[in-house]
Protein backbone atom coordinates (compact mmCIF):
# COMPACT_ATOMS: atom_id res chain seq x y z
CA MET A 1 161.00 143.49 164.50
CA THR A 2 163.14 141.86 161.84
CA LEU A 3 162.27 141.17 158.25
CA LYS A 4 163.36 137.85 156.85
CA ILE A 5 163.34 137.43 153.06
CA GLU A 6 163.50 133.91 151.73
CA ARG A 7 164.30 133.20 148.12
CA GLN A 8 162.22 130.58 146.39
CA SER A 9 162.72 129.18 142.92
CA ALA A 10 160.12 129.67 140.23
CA PRO A 11 157.54 126.93 139.69
CA ARG A 12 158.56 124.14 137.32
CA TRP A 13 156.06 125.15 134.64
CA LEU A 14 157.33 128.74 134.64
CA GLN A 15 161.06 127.99 134.36
CA PRO A 16 161.11 127.26 130.58
CA LEU A 17 158.85 130.26 129.92
CA LEU A 18 160.97 132.86 131.72
CA PRO A 19 163.65 133.26 128.99
CA LEU A 20 160.98 133.53 126.29
CA LEU A 21 159.06 136.05 128.33
CA ALA A 22 162.23 138.09 128.91
CA VAL A 23 162.96 138.18 125.17
CA ALA A 24 159.38 139.21 124.38
CA ILE A 25 159.43 142.02 126.94
CA THR A 26 162.83 143.23 125.72
CA PHE A 27 161.66 143.24 122.10
CA THR A 28 158.52 145.17 123.04
CA LEU A 29 160.39 147.83 125.01
CA THR A 30 163.18 148.34 122.51
CA SER A 31 160.86 148.33 119.49
CA ALA A 32 159.09 151.30 121.06
CA PHE A 33 162.44 153.11 121.24
CA VAL A 34 163.22 152.24 117.63
CA LEU A 35 159.86 153.59 116.51
CA LEU A 36 160.27 156.77 118.54
CA ALA A 37 163.84 157.38 117.42
CA GLY A 38 163.36 157.20 113.69
CA GLY A 39 160.20 155.40 112.77
CA ALA A 40 162.16 152.46 111.36
CA ASP A 41 160.83 148.92 111.19
CA PRO A 42 161.85 147.19 114.44
CA LEU A 43 162.32 143.80 112.79
CA SER A 44 164.74 145.15 110.19
CA ALA A 45 166.57 147.12 112.89
CA TYR A 46 167.09 143.92 114.89
CA TYR A 47 168.13 142.07 111.75
CA TYR A 48 170.90 144.59 111.01
CA PHE A 49 171.91 144.74 114.65
CA LEU A 50 172.38 140.97 114.77
CA LEU A 51 174.27 140.99 111.45
CA LEU A 52 176.71 143.59 112.79
CA LEU A 53 177.00 141.81 116.12
CA LEU A 54 177.49 138.29 114.81
CA GLY A 55 178.96 138.98 111.39
């Protein structure tokens, strides 16, 4: 018995939503870590992170 896995692309309506969904999930997970680590505001933590990264 062999198992054949075929890769299919996402539906057309889901393709533009996938990057937004990935960003939302990432923000949710990392904001929990920010809150657990020091109780800081996640939005200000991301703001300073982006300033240091891009500035």
